[in-house]
C-alpha cells in the first residue's frame, strides 16, 4: 500500500505547520484531556458541577509588563482564590482593537477551567486584575481551537499550561492522560505502521537482484 502524505514538524512556531497540523492536534488533544477529566469527576462526585467554563483573566496595568513566568504564576493564584482551581491557560499577548482594526499590546489569559465565579459577569481583584466569566461554551473544541489560533507562541514556552487536578503531576494524571499519536498511519491491509519512502523515478527498472 502506497499513499501520499504531507510531512510536518508539528511546531507552533513553524509558519507552514502551525495551522494545518499543530493547531488541529493541540486543540483535539486538549479537548480529549478535559473530557476525560469530566468523566472522572462525574464518577467520583455526582453532585459536583463538572462542566468547564471559559474565563478571561487580564492583569492590571502595573503587572502587564511582568516577566511571563511570574505573570502566569500570579494568574493561577488569582484563579484559585476566585474559585477556578483546575483547567488550562492559553496566553494572548495582544488583543484586537475593533475600532482601529489593529492588534494592540494587551496581555491576558484565556482559561478553560472547573469551578464557579461568585460574580457571573466580571470580578475585580484587589490588585487590579479583571476576571470575566464567559460561562459554559456550546463547543469545547471550537473554543480551544479559536483561542489557540491567535495565542502567543515562543520557543521553549508551551502555548497550553495545565494546572490543578488537570496538571501532569496531579492524582488524576494517569486517568486523563492522552496517548501520544503515532507519527505515521497504519496499513489498511496488514495493520503495521507505515514507513516514509521517497519515490525516485528512473528511465529503466532496477536490476533483478534489488
N, C-alpha and C. Protein backbone atom coordinates (compact mmCIF):
# COMPACT_ATOMS: atom_id res chain seq x y z
N UNK A 1 0.84 -1.20 0.00
CA UNK A 1 0.00 0.00 0.00
C UNK A 1 0.88 1.24 0.00
N UNK A 2 0.62 2.15 -0.93
CA UNK A 2 1.37 3.40 -1.04
C UNK A 2 0.37 4.55 -1.05
N UNK A 3 0.62 5.53 -0.22
CA UNK A 3 -0.25 6.71 -0.21
C UNK A 3 0.58 7.96 0.02
N UNK A 4 0.13 9.05 -0.54
CA UNK A 4 0.84 10.32 -0.39
C UNK A 4 0.46 10.95 0.94
N UNK A 5 1.43 11.59 1.57
CA UNK A 5 1.17 12.29 2.83
C UNK A 5 2.08 13.50 2.91
N UNK A 6 1.68 14.48 3.69
CA UNK A 6 2.47 15.68 3.87
C UNK A 6 3.17 15.62 5.21
N UNK A 7 4.48 15.62 5.20
CA UNK A 7 5.24 15.57 6.43
C UNK A 7 5.12 16.90 7.18
N UNK A 8 5.19 16.83 8.51
CA UNK A 8 5.04 18.02 9.33
C UNK A 8 5.96 17.95 10.53
N UNK A 9 6.41 19.13 10.99
CA UNK A 9 7.22 19.20 12.20
C UNK A 9 6.35 19.40 13.44
N UNK A 10 5.05 19.72 13.24
CA UNK A 10 4.08 19.91 14.33
C UNK A 10 4.53 20.99 15.32
N UNK A 11 5.28 21.98 14.86
CA UNK A 11 5.74 23.05 15.73
C UNK A 11 4.83 24.26 15.60
N UNK A 12 4.52 24.86 16.75
CA UNK A 12 3.65 26.03 16.74
C UNK A 12 4.33 27.24 16.10
N UNK A 13 5.67 27.27 16.15
CA UNK A 13 6.40 28.40 15.60
C UNK A 13 6.66 28.26 14.10
N UNK A 14 6.27 27.14 13.51
CA UNK A 14 6.50 26.91 12.09
C UNK A 14 5.39 27.58 11.27
N UNK A 15 5.76 28.43 10.34
CA UNK A 15 4.76 29.16 9.56
C UNK A 15 3.99 28.25 8.61
N UNK A 16 4.49 27.06 8.33
CA UNK A 16 3.81 26.14 7.43
C UNK A 16 2.94 25.12 8.17
N UNK A 17 3.38 24.68 9.34
CA UNK A 17 2.71 23.57 10.02
C UNK A 17 1.75 23.98 11.13
N UNK A 18 1.83 25.23 11.61
CA UNK A 18 1.05 25.59 12.80
C UNK A 18 -0.45 25.52 12.53
N UNK A 19 -0.89 25.92 11.34
CA UNK A 19 -2.32 25.97 11.06
C UNK A 19 -2.88 24.59 10.69
N UNK A 20 -2.23 23.90 9.78
CA UNK A 20 -2.75 22.63 9.30
C UNK A 20 -2.54 21.49 10.29
N UNK A 21 -1.43 21.49 11.01
CA UNK A 21 -1.09 20.34 11.85
C UNK A 21 -1.13 20.66 13.34
N UNK A 22 -0.32 21.64 13.78
CA UNK A 22 -0.20 21.90 15.22
C UNK A 22 -1.52 22.32 15.84
N UNK A 23 -2.20 23.26 15.23
CA UNK A 23 -3.44 23.79 15.79
C UNK A 23 -4.50 22.71 15.94
N UNK A 24 -4.67 21.90 14.91
CA UNK A 24 -5.68 20.84 14.95
C UNK A 24 -5.34 19.78 16.00
N UNK A 25 -4.06 19.40 16.06
CA UNK A 25 -3.67 18.36 17.00
C UNK A 25 -3.76 18.83 18.45
N UNK A 26 -3.27 20.05 18.74
CA UNK A 26 -3.27 20.55 20.11
C UNK A 26 -4.69 20.75 20.64
N UNK A 27 -5.56 21.31 19.81
CA UNK A 27 -6.94 21.54 20.25
C UNK A 27 -7.68 20.22 20.45
N UNK A 28 -7.40 19.24 19.61
CA UNK A 28 -8.03 17.93 19.75
C UNK A 28 -7.56 17.22 21.02
N UNK A 29 -6.27 17.26 21.29
CA UNK A 29 -5.73 16.59 22.47
C UNK A 29 -6.18 17.30 23.76
N UNK A 30 -6.24 18.62 23.74
CA UNK A 30 -6.69 19.36 24.92
C UNK A 30 -8.16 19.06 25.21
N UNK A 31 -8.97 18.99 24.17
CA UNK A 31 -10.39 18.68 24.35
C UNK A 31 -10.56 17.29 24.94
N UNK A 32 -9.81 16.33 24.43
CA UNK A 32 -9.92 14.96 24.91
C UNK A 32 -9.49 14.87 26.37
N UNK A 33 -8.46 15.60 26.77
CA UNK A 33 -7.99 15.57 28.16
C UNK A 33 -9.06 16.11 29.11
N UNK A 34 -9.69 17.20 28.72
CA UNK A 34 -10.75 17.78 29.56
C UNK A 34 -11.96 16.86 29.62
N UNK A 35 -12.33 16.25 28.52
CA UNK A 35 -13.47 15.32 28.51
C UNK A 35 -13.22 14.11 29.40
N UNK A 36 -11.98 13.64 29.42
CA UNK A 36 -11.64 12.53 30.31
C UNK A 36 -11.76 12.96 31.77
N UNK A 37 -11.33 14.17 32.06
CA UNK A 37 -11.42 14.67 33.43
C UNK A 37 -12.89 14.82 33.85
N UNK A 38 -13.74 15.27 32.94
CA UNK A 38 -15.16 15.39 33.23
C UNK A 38 -15.75 14.04 33.65
N UNK A 39 -15.39 12.99 32.94
CA UNK A 39 -15.90 11.65 33.27
C UNK A 39 -15.42 11.19 34.64
N UNK A 40 -14.15 11.48 34.95
CA UNK A 40 -13.61 11.09 36.26
C UNK A 40 -14.35 11.81 37.38
N UNK A 41 -14.58 13.10 37.22
CA UNK A 41 -15.26 13.89 38.25
C UNK A 41 -16.69 13.42 38.46
N UNK A 42 -17.39 13.12 37.39
CA UNK A 42 -18.77 12.69 37.48
C UNK A 42 -18.90 11.33 38.17
N UNK A 43 -17.88 10.49 38.00
CA UNK A 43 -17.89 9.18 38.66
C UNK A 43 -17.60 9.31 40.16
N UNK A 44 -16.75 10.26 40.52
CA UNK A 44 -16.35 10.44 41.92
C UNK A 44 -17.40 11.20 42.71
N UNK A 45 -17.91 12.28 42.15
CA UNK A 45 -18.86 13.14 42.88
C UNK A 45 -19.94 13.61 41.91
N UNK A 46 -21.09 12.97 41.93
CA UNK A 46 -22.17 13.31 41.01
C UNK A 46 -22.78 14.69 41.29
N UNK A 47 -22.61 15.20 42.51
CA UNK A 47 -23.19 16.48 42.88
C UNK A 47 -22.30 17.65 42.46
N UNK A 48 -21.06 17.37 42.13
CA UNK A 48 -20.14 18.43 41.77
C UNK A 48 -20.41 18.95 40.36
N UNK A 49 -20.32 20.27 40.19
CA UNK A 49 -20.52 20.87 38.87
C UNK A 49 -19.31 20.52 38.00
N UNK A 50 -19.54 19.70 36.97
CA UNK A 50 -18.42 19.14 36.21
C UNK A 50 -18.36 19.66 34.78
N UNK A 51 -18.95 20.82 34.52
CA UNK A 51 -18.88 21.40 33.18
C UNK A 51 -17.84 22.52 33.16
N UNK A 52 -16.90 22.48 32.21
CA UNK A 52 -15.87 23.53 32.18
C UNK A 52 -16.44 24.87 31.73
N UNK A 53 -15.89 25.95 32.26
CA UNK A 53 -16.31 27.29 31.89
C UNK A 53 -15.14 28.04 31.26
N UNK A 54 -15.48 29.06 30.48
CA UNK A 54 -14.47 29.88 29.81
C UNK A 54 -14.31 31.18 30.61
N UNK A 55 -13.09 31.44 31.05
CA UNK A 55 -12.79 32.62 31.86
C UNK A 55 -11.66 33.41 31.21
N UNK A 56 -11.76 34.72 31.23
CA UNK A 56 -10.69 35.59 30.72
C UNK A 56 -10.10 36.37 31.89
N UNK A 57 -8.78 36.27 32.05
CA UNK A 57 -8.08 36.95 33.14
C UNK A 57 -7.12 37.97 32.56
N UNK A 58 -7.31 39.24 32.92
CA UNK A 58 -6.46 40.32 32.41
C UNK A 58 -5.70 40.96 33.56
N UNK A 59 -4.38 41.08 33.45
CA UNK A 59 -3.58 41.68 34.53
C UNK A 59 -3.78 43.18 34.63
N UNK A 60 -3.43 43.73 35.77
CA UNK A 60 -3.50 45.17 35.96
C UNK A 60 -2.42 45.85 35.12
N UNK A 61 -2.52 47.18 35.00
CA UNK A 61 -1.53 47.92 34.21
C UNK A 61 -0.14 47.76 34.79
N UNK A 62 -0.02 47.73 36.10
CA UNK A 62 1.29 47.62 36.74
C UNK A 62 1.92 46.24 36.52
N UNK A 63 1.08 45.23 36.34
CA UNK A 63 1.59 43.86 36.22
C UNK A 63 1.72 43.38 34.77
N UNK A 64 1.19 44.11 33.81
CA UNK A 64 1.18 43.63 32.43
C UNK A 64 2.58 43.48 31.84
N UNK A 65 3.57 44.19 32.42
CA UNK A 65 4.94 44.10 31.93
C UNK A 65 5.79 43.15 32.77
N UNK A 66 5.13 42.39 33.63
CA UNK A 66 5.83 41.43 34.48
C UNK A 66 6.42 40.29 33.64
N UNK A 67 7.50 39.70 34.12
CA UNK A 67 8.10 38.56 33.43
C UNK A 67 7.05 37.46 33.25
N UNK A 68 7.08 36.78 32.12
CA UNK A 68 5.97 35.88 31.77
C UNK A 68 5.73 34.79 32.80
N UNK A 69 6.79 34.15 33.30
CA UNK A 69 6.59 33.07 34.26
C UNK A 69 5.95 33.58 35.55
N UNK A 70 6.30 34.80 35.97
CA UNK A 70 5.70 35.38 37.17
C UNK A 70 4.26 35.81 36.90
N UNK A 71 4.02 36.29 35.69
CA UNK A 71 2.66 36.69 35.31
C UNK A 71 1.73 35.47 35.31
N UNK A 72 2.21 34.38 34.79
CA UNK A 72 1.41 33.15 34.75
C UNK A 72 1.17 32.60 36.16
N UNK A 73 2.18 32.68 37.00
CA UNK A 73 2.04 32.21 38.39
C UNK A 73 0.99 33.03 39.14
N UNK A 74 1.03 34.34 38.95
CA UNK A 74 0.05 35.19 39.64
C UNK A 74 -1.36 34.96 39.11
N UNK A 75 -1.47 34.70 37.83
CA UNK A 75 -2.77 34.39 37.23
C UNK A 75 -3.38 33.15 37.87
N UNK A 76 -2.58 32.13 38.07
CA UNK A 76 -3.07 30.89 38.68
C UNK A 76 -3.48 31.13 40.13
N UNK A 77 -2.71 31.94 40.85
CA UNK A 77 -3.06 32.24 42.24
C UNK A 77 -4.40 32.97 42.32
N UNK A 78 -4.61 33.92 41.43
CA UNK A 78 -5.86 34.67 41.42
C UNK A 78 -7.04 33.77 41.04
N UNK A 79 -6.82 32.87 40.10
CA UNK A 79 -7.88 31.94 39.70
C UNK A 79 -8.28 31.04 40.87
N UNK A 80 -7.28 30.55 41.60
CA UNK A 80 -7.57 29.67 42.73
C UNK A 80 -8.40 30.40 43.79
N UNK A 81 -8.02 31.64 44.09
CA UNK A 81 -8.76 32.42 45.07
C UNK A 81 -10.17 32.75 44.58
N UNK A 82 -10.34 32.81 43.26
CA UNK A 82 -11.64 33.17 42.71
C UNK A 82 -12.57 31.97 42.53
N UNK A 83 -12.03 30.76 42.74
CA UNK A 83 -12.88 29.58 42.65
C UNK A 83 -12.63 28.67 41.48
N UNK A 84 -11.68 29.00 40.61
CA UNK A 84 -11.33 28.15 39.48
C UNK A 84 -9.97 27.53 39.77
N UNK A 85 -9.98 26.26 40.19
CA UNK A 85 -8.74 25.63 40.67
C UNK A 85 -8.12 24.64 39.69
N UNK A 86 -8.86 24.27 38.66
CA UNK A 86 -8.37 23.25 37.72
C UNK A 86 -8.69 23.67 36.29
N UNK A 87 -7.74 23.43 35.38
CA UNK A 87 -8.02 23.77 34.00
C UNK A 87 -6.77 23.99 33.17
N UNK A 88 -6.91 24.81 32.12
CA UNK A 88 -5.79 25.13 31.24
C UNK A 88 -5.73 26.63 31.02
N UNK A 89 -4.51 27.10 30.74
CA UNK A 89 -4.27 28.51 30.44
C UNK A 89 -3.77 28.64 29.01
N UNK A 90 -4.29 29.62 28.28
CA UNK A 90 -3.80 29.98 26.95
C UNK A 90 -3.48 31.47 26.97
N UNK A 91 -2.23 31.82 26.71
CA UNK A 91 -1.78 33.20 26.84
C UNK A 91 -1.93 33.96 25.52
N UNK A 92 -2.50 35.16 25.59
CA UNK A 92 -2.61 36.07 24.45
C UNK A 92 -1.87 37.36 24.77
N UNK A 93 -0.80 37.67 24.07
CA UNK A 93 -0.07 38.92 24.34
C UNK A 93 -0.73 40.15 23.71
N UNK A 94 -1.62 39.93 22.72
CA UNK A 94 -2.25 41.03 22.02
C UNK A 94 -3.77 40.88 22.01
N UNK A 95 -4.42 41.99 21.74
CA UNK A 95 -5.88 42.00 21.60
C UNK A 95 -6.25 42.88 20.42
N UNK A 96 -7.27 42.46 19.69
CA UNK A 96 -7.70 43.22 18.51
C UNK A 96 -8.54 44.43 18.92
N UNK A 97 -8.06 45.61 18.54
CA UNK A 97 -8.82 46.83 18.74
C UNK A 97 -9.81 46.94 17.58
N UNK A 98 -11.09 46.66 17.83
CA UNK A 98 -12.07 46.59 16.75
C UNK A 98 -12.38 47.95 16.15
N UNK A 99 -12.17 49.03 16.89
CA UNK A 99 -12.40 50.36 16.34
C UNK A 99 -11.32 50.74 15.33
N UNK A 100 -10.07 50.45 15.69
CA UNK A 100 -8.95 50.77 14.80
C UNK A 100 -8.57 49.59 13.91
N UNK A 101 -9.14 48.41 14.21
CA UNK A 101 -8.86 47.17 13.47
C UNK A 101 -7.37 46.90 13.37
N UNK A 102 -6.72 46.92 14.55
CA UNK A 102 -5.31 46.54 14.60
C UNK A 102 -5.03 45.91 15.95
N UNK A 103 -3.97 45.12 16.01
CA UNK A 103 -3.61 44.42 17.24
C UNK A 103 -2.82 45.35 18.15
N UNK A 104 -3.21 45.37 19.42
CA UNK A 104 -2.52 46.21 20.41
C UNK A 104 -2.01 45.33 21.54
N UNK A 105 -0.95 45.80 22.19
CA UNK A 105 -0.36 45.04 23.31
C UNK A 105 -1.30 45.09 24.51
N UNK A 106 -1.89 43.95 24.82
CA UNK A 106 -2.80 43.84 25.95
C UNK A 106 -2.81 42.39 26.44
N UNK A 107 -1.78 41.98 27.20
CA UNK A 107 -1.68 40.59 27.63
C UNK A 107 -2.85 40.14 28.49
N UNK A 108 -3.29 38.92 28.25
CA UNK A 108 -4.38 38.33 29.04
C UNK A 108 -4.35 36.81 28.85
N UNK A 109 -5.07 36.12 29.71
CA UNK A 109 -5.13 34.66 29.67
C UNK A 109 -6.56 34.21 29.41
N UNK A 110 -6.69 33.23 28.53
CA UNK A 110 -7.97 32.54 28.36
C UNK A 110 -7.89 31.23 29.12
N UNK A 111 -8.90 30.96 29.90
CA UNK A 111 -8.90 29.80 30.79
C UNK A 111 -10.11 28.92 30.50
N UNK A 112 -9.88 27.64 30.34
CA UNK A 112 -10.95 26.66 30.32
C UNK A 112 -10.79 25.89 31.62
N UNK A 113 -11.67 26.16 32.58
CA UNK A 113 -11.45 25.60 33.91
C UNK A 113 -12.72 25.11 34.57
N UNK A 114 -12.52 24.52 35.73
CA UNK A 114 -13.62 23.96 36.51
C UNK A 114 -13.76 24.74 37.80
N UNK A 115 -14.98 25.10 38.11
CA UNK A 115 -15.27 25.90 39.29
C UNK A 115 -16.39 26.86 38.96
N UNK A 116 -16.55 27.86 39.80
CA UNK A 116 -17.59 28.86 39.53
C UNK A 116 -17.23 30.16 40.22
N UNK A 117 -17.29 31.24 39.44
CA UNK A 117 -17.00 32.56 40.00
C UNK A 117 -18.25 33.11 40.69
N UNK A 118 -18.03 33.85 41.78
CA UNK A 118 -19.16 34.41 42.52
C UNK A 118 -19.93 35.42 41.69
N UNK A 119 -19.22 36.25 40.92
CA UNK A 119 -19.85 37.23 40.04
C UNK A 119 -19.95 36.62 38.65
N UNK A 120 -21.14 36.51 38.11
CA UNK A 120 -21.33 35.84 36.82
C UNK A 120 -20.76 36.63 35.64
N UNK A 121 -20.59 37.93 35.80
CA UNK A 121 -20.15 38.74 34.68
C UNK A 121 -18.68 39.16 34.78
N UNK A 122 -18.35 39.88 35.85
CA UNK A 122 -16.99 40.40 35.95
C UNK A 122 -16.59 40.52 37.42
N UNK A 123 -15.32 40.24 37.68
CA UNK A 123 -14.83 40.29 39.05
C UNK A 123 -13.50 41.05 39.06
N UNK A 124 -13.37 42.00 39.95
CA UNK A 124 -12.14 42.79 40.04
C UNK A 124 -11.32 42.34 41.24
N UNK A 125 -10.08 41.91 40.96
CA UNK A 125 -9.18 41.51 42.02
C UNK A 125 -8.65 42.76 42.73
N UNK A 126 -8.24 42.60 43.98
CA UNK A 126 -7.75 43.75 44.76
C UNK A 126 -6.51 44.37 44.14
N UNK A 127 -5.75 43.59 43.35
CA UNK A 127 -4.55 44.13 42.70
C UNK A 127 -4.86 44.78 41.36
N UNK A 128 -6.13 44.80 40.98
CA UNK A 128 -6.49 45.43 39.72
C UNK A 128 -6.68 44.46 38.56
N UNK A 129 -6.52 43.18 38.79
CA UNK A 129 -6.74 42.19 37.75
C UNK A 129 -8.25 42.04 37.50
N UNK A 130 -8.62 41.86 36.25
CA UNK A 130 -10.03 41.71 35.89
C UNK A 130 -10.30 40.27 35.45
N UNK A 131 -11.36 39.69 35.99
CA UNK A 131 -11.73 38.31 35.67
C UNK A 131 -13.14 38.31 35.08
N UNK A 132 -13.27 37.85 33.85
CA UNK A 132 -14.56 37.78 33.18
C UNK A 132 -14.99 36.33 33.01
N UNK A 133 -16.19 36.04 33.39
CA UNK A 133 -16.74 34.70 33.26
C UNK A 133 -17.60 34.62 32.01
N UNK A 134 -17.14 33.88 31.00
CA UNK A 134 -17.90 33.72 29.76
C UNK A 134 -18.86 32.54 29.81
N UNK A 135 -18.81 31.80 30.93
CA UNK A 135 -19.76 30.71 31.13
C UNK A 135 -19.41 29.43 30.39
N UNK A 136 -20.36 28.51 30.37
CA UNK A 136 -20.18 27.22 29.69
C UNK A 136 -20.33 27.43 28.19
N UNK A 137 -19.41 26.89 27.42
CA UNK A 137 -19.43 27.07 25.97
C UNK A 137 -20.21 25.94 25.30
N UNK A 138 -20.80 26.25 24.16
CA UNK A 138 -21.54 25.23 23.41
C UNK A 138 -20.61 24.16 22.86
N UNK A 139 -19.45 24.58 22.39
CA UNK A 139 -18.48 23.64 21.83
C UNK A 139 -17.13 23.84 22.49
N UNK A 140 -16.71 22.86 23.27
CA UNK A 140 -15.42 22.94 23.95
C UNK A 140 -14.28 22.99 22.95
N UNK A 141 -14.33 22.13 21.95
CA UNK A 141 -13.26 22.05 20.96
C UNK A 141 -13.14 23.36 20.16
N UNK A 142 -14.26 23.92 19.76
CA UNK A 142 -14.23 25.16 18.98
C UNK A 142 -13.63 26.31 19.79
N UNK A 143 -13.94 26.35 21.09
CA UNK A 143 -13.39 27.40 21.95
C UNK A 143 -11.88 27.29 22.06
N UNK A 144 -11.39 26.08 22.32
CA UNK A 144 -9.94 25.88 22.44
C UNK A 144 -9.25 26.15 21.11
N UNK A 145 -9.84 25.67 20.03
CA UNK A 145 -9.26 25.85 18.70
C UNK A 145 -9.11 27.34 18.37
N UNK A 146 -10.17 28.10 18.63
CA UNK A 146 -10.14 29.52 18.31
C UNK A 146 -9.12 30.27 19.17
N UNK A 147 -9.07 29.95 20.47
CA UNK A 147 -8.13 30.65 21.35
C UNK A 147 -6.68 30.31 21.00
N UNK A 148 -6.43 29.09 20.57
CA UNK A 148 -5.08 28.71 20.17
C UNK A 148 -4.68 29.33 18.83
N UNK A 149 -5.67 29.66 18.00
CA UNK A 149 -5.38 30.16 16.66
C UNK A 149 -4.65 31.51 16.67
N UNK A 150 -4.77 32.25 17.76
CA UNK A 150 -4.04 33.52 17.86
C UNK A 150 -3.38 33.67 19.23
N UNK A 151 -2.92 32.54 19.77
CA UNK A 151 -2.22 32.54 21.05
C UNK A 151 -0.77 32.98 20.87
N UNK A 152 -0.15 33.38 21.98
CA UNK A 152 1.26 33.75 21.94
C UNK A 152 2.13 32.52 21.75
N UNK A 153 3.10 32.61 20.87
CA UNK A 153 3.97 31.47 20.55
C UNK A 153 5.43 31.90 20.70
N UNK A 154 6.21 31.11 21.40
CA UNK A 154 7.65 31.37 21.56
C UNK A 154 8.36 30.05 21.80
N UNK A 155 9.62 30.00 21.42
CA UNK A 155 10.41 28.79 21.64
C UNK A 155 10.54 28.50 23.13
N UNK A 156 10.46 27.22 23.47
CA UNK A 156 10.63 26.72 24.84
C UNK A 156 9.51 27.17 25.79
N UNK A 157 8.38 27.64 25.25
CA UNK A 157 7.23 28.01 26.07
C UNK A 157 6.00 27.29 25.52
N UNK A 158 5.29 26.59 26.39
CA UNK A 158 4.11 25.86 25.98
C UNK A 158 2.93 26.82 25.80
N UNK A 159 2.20 26.65 24.71
CA UNK A 159 1.05 27.51 24.46
C UNK A 159 -0.10 27.17 25.39
N UNK A 160 -0.15 25.93 25.87
CA UNK A 160 -1.16 25.49 26.83
C UNK A 160 -0.47 25.11 28.13
N UNK A 161 -0.96 25.65 29.24
CA UNK A 161 -0.45 25.29 30.57
C UNK A 161 -1.59 24.68 31.37
N UNK A 162 -1.39 23.45 31.85
CA UNK A 162 -2.40 22.78 32.66
C UNK A 162 -2.12 23.03 34.13
N UNK A 163 -3.17 23.19 34.93
CA UNK A 163 -2.97 23.45 36.35
C UNK A 163 -4.02 22.71 37.17
N UNK A 164 -3.75 22.62 38.48
CA UNK A 164 -4.68 21.95 39.39
C UNK A 164 -4.76 20.45 39.12
N UNK A 165 -5.95 19.89 39.22
CA UNK A 165 -6.14 18.46 39.02
C UNK A 165 -5.99 18.03 37.57
N UNK A 166 -5.86 18.98 36.67
CA UNK A 166 -5.60 18.67 35.26
C UNK A 166 -4.11 18.72 34.94
N UNK A 167 -3.29 19.03 35.92
CA UNK A 167 -1.85 19.09 35.71
C UNK A 167 -1.24 17.71 35.49
N UNK A 168 -0.03 17.71 34.98
CA UNK A 168 0.63 16.45 34.64
C UNK A 168 1.11 15.68 35.87
N UNK A 169 1.10 16.32 37.04
CA UNK A 169 1.54 15.65 38.27
C UNK A 169 0.39 15.49 39.26
N UNK A 170 -0.82 15.67 38.81
CA UNK A 170 -1.97 15.55 39.71
C UNK A 170 -2.29 14.09 39.98
N UNK A 171 -3.16 13.85 40.93
CA UNK A 171 -3.54 12.47 41.28
C UNK A 171 -4.35 11.79 40.18
N UNK A 172 -4.89 12.58 39.24
CA UNK A 172 -5.66 12.00 38.14
C UNK A 172 -4.86 11.96 36.84
N UNK A 173 -3.57 12.24 36.91
CA UNK A 173 -2.75 12.39 35.71
C UNK A 173 -2.82 11.17 34.79
N UNK A 174 -2.75 9.97 35.36
CA UNK A 174 -2.78 8.76 34.53
C UNK A 174 -4.16 8.50 33.95
N UNK A 175 -5.21 8.87 34.69
CA UNK A 175 -6.58 8.62 34.23
C UNK A 175 -6.97 9.52 33.07
N UNK A 176 -6.41 10.71 33.02
CA UNK A 176 -6.80 11.66 31.98
C UNK A 176 -5.71 11.82 30.91
N UNK A 177 -4.70 11.00 30.98
CA UNK A 177 -3.60 11.10 30.03
C UNK A 177 -4.07 10.77 28.62
N UNK A 178 -3.64 11.58 27.66
CA UNK A 178 -3.96 11.36 26.24
C UNK A 178 -2.75 10.70 25.59
N UNK A 179 -2.91 9.49 25.05
CA UNK A 179 -1.77 8.78 24.46
C UNK A 179 -1.14 9.59 23.32
N UNK A 180 0.17 9.45 23.19
CA UNK A 180 0.88 10.10 22.09
C UNK A 180 0.43 9.51 20.77
N UNK A 181 0.31 10.36 19.77
CA UNK A 181 -0.11 9.90 18.46
C UNK A 181 1.09 9.39 17.68
N UNK A 182 0.85 8.34 16.94
CA UNK A 182 1.92 7.80 16.10
C UNK A 182 2.21 8.77 14.97
N UNK A 183 3.49 8.91 14.62
CA UNK A 183 3.83 9.85 13.55
C UNK A 183 3.37 9.39 12.17
N UNK A 184 3.09 8.09 12.03
CA UNK A 184 2.67 7.54 10.74
C UNK A 184 1.34 6.82 10.88
N UNK A 185 0.66 6.64 9.75
CA UNK A 185 -0.59 5.90 9.74
C UNK A 185 -0.30 4.41 9.68
N UNK A 186 -1.35 3.63 9.88
CA UNK A 186 -1.22 2.17 9.78
C UNK A 186 -1.77 1.69 8.46
N UNK A 187 -1.25 0.58 8.01
CA UNK A 187 -1.68 -0.01 6.74
C UNK A 187 -3.08 -0.61 6.89
N UNK A 188 -3.94 -0.35 5.91
CA UNK A 188 -5.31 -0.87 5.95
C UNK A 188 -5.36 -2.38 5.78
N UNK A 189 -4.31 -3.00 5.26
CA UNK A 189 -4.32 -4.43 4.98
C UNK A 189 -3.65 -5.27 6.07
N UNK A 190 -2.47 -4.83 6.51
CA UNK A 190 -1.74 -5.64 7.49
C UNK A 190 -1.74 -5.04 8.90
N UNK A 191 -2.11 -3.77 9.04
CA UNK A 191 -2.16 -3.15 10.36
C UNK A 191 -0.83 -2.64 10.87
N UNK A 192 0.25 -2.84 10.14
CA UNK A 192 1.56 -2.38 10.58
C UNK A 192 1.71 -0.87 10.33
N UNK A 193 2.65 -0.25 11.09
CA UNK A 193 2.92 1.16 10.91
C UNK A 193 3.59 1.40 9.56
N UNK A 194 3.04 2.34 8.80
CA UNK A 194 3.64 2.64 7.50
C UNK A 194 4.91 3.46 7.69
N UNK A 195 5.84 3.29 6.78
CA UNK A 195 7.12 3.97 6.87
C UNK A 195 7.23 5.01 5.75
N UNK A 196 8.06 6.01 6.00
CA UNK A 196 8.26 7.04 4.99
C UNK A 196 9.13 6.50 3.86
N UNK A 197 8.78 6.83 2.65
CA UNK A 197 9.54 6.40 1.48
C UNK A 197 9.57 7.55 0.48
N UNK A 198 10.58 7.56 -0.35
CA UNK A 198 10.70 8.60 -1.37
C UNK A 198 10.72 7.96 -2.75
N UNK A 199 9.89 8.47 -3.63
CA UNK A 199 9.83 7.94 -5.00
C UNK A 199 10.85 8.66 -5.88
N UNK A 200 11.78 7.91 -6.44
CA UNK A 200 12.81 8.47 -7.32
C UNK A 200 12.64 7.83 -8.69
N UNK A 201 12.03 8.52 -9.62
CA UNK A 201 11.79 7.92 -10.95
C UNK A 201 13.10 7.77 -11.73
N UNK A 202 13.18 6.69 -12.50
CA UNK A 202 14.33 6.44 -13.37
C UNK A 202 13.82 6.07 -14.76
N UNK A 203 14.75 6.00 -15.72
CA UNK A 203 14.34 5.68 -17.09
C UNK A 203 14.36 4.19 -17.38
N UNK A 204 14.63 3.38 -16.34
CA UNK A 204 14.68 1.93 -16.53
C UNK A 204 14.39 1.24 -15.19
N UNK A 205 13.89 0.02 -15.19
CA UNK A 205 13.60 -0.71 -13.95
C UNK A 205 14.89 -1.08 -13.22
N UNK A 206 14.80 -1.31 -11.89
CA UNK A 206 16.00 -1.69 -11.13
C UNK A 206 16.47 -3.09 -11.51
N UNK A 207 17.73 -3.43 -11.25
CA UNK A 207 18.25 -4.77 -11.54
C UNK A 207 17.45 -5.84 -10.78
N UNK A 208 17.52 -7.06 -11.27
CA UNK A 208 16.75 -8.16 -10.65
C UNK A 208 17.19 -8.46 -9.24
N UNK A 209 18.46 -8.15 -8.88
CA UNK A 209 18.95 -8.51 -7.57
C UNK A 209 18.58 -7.44 -6.52
N UNK A 210 17.87 -6.40 -6.86
CA UNK A 210 17.50 -5.36 -5.89
C UNK A 210 16.02 -5.51 -5.50
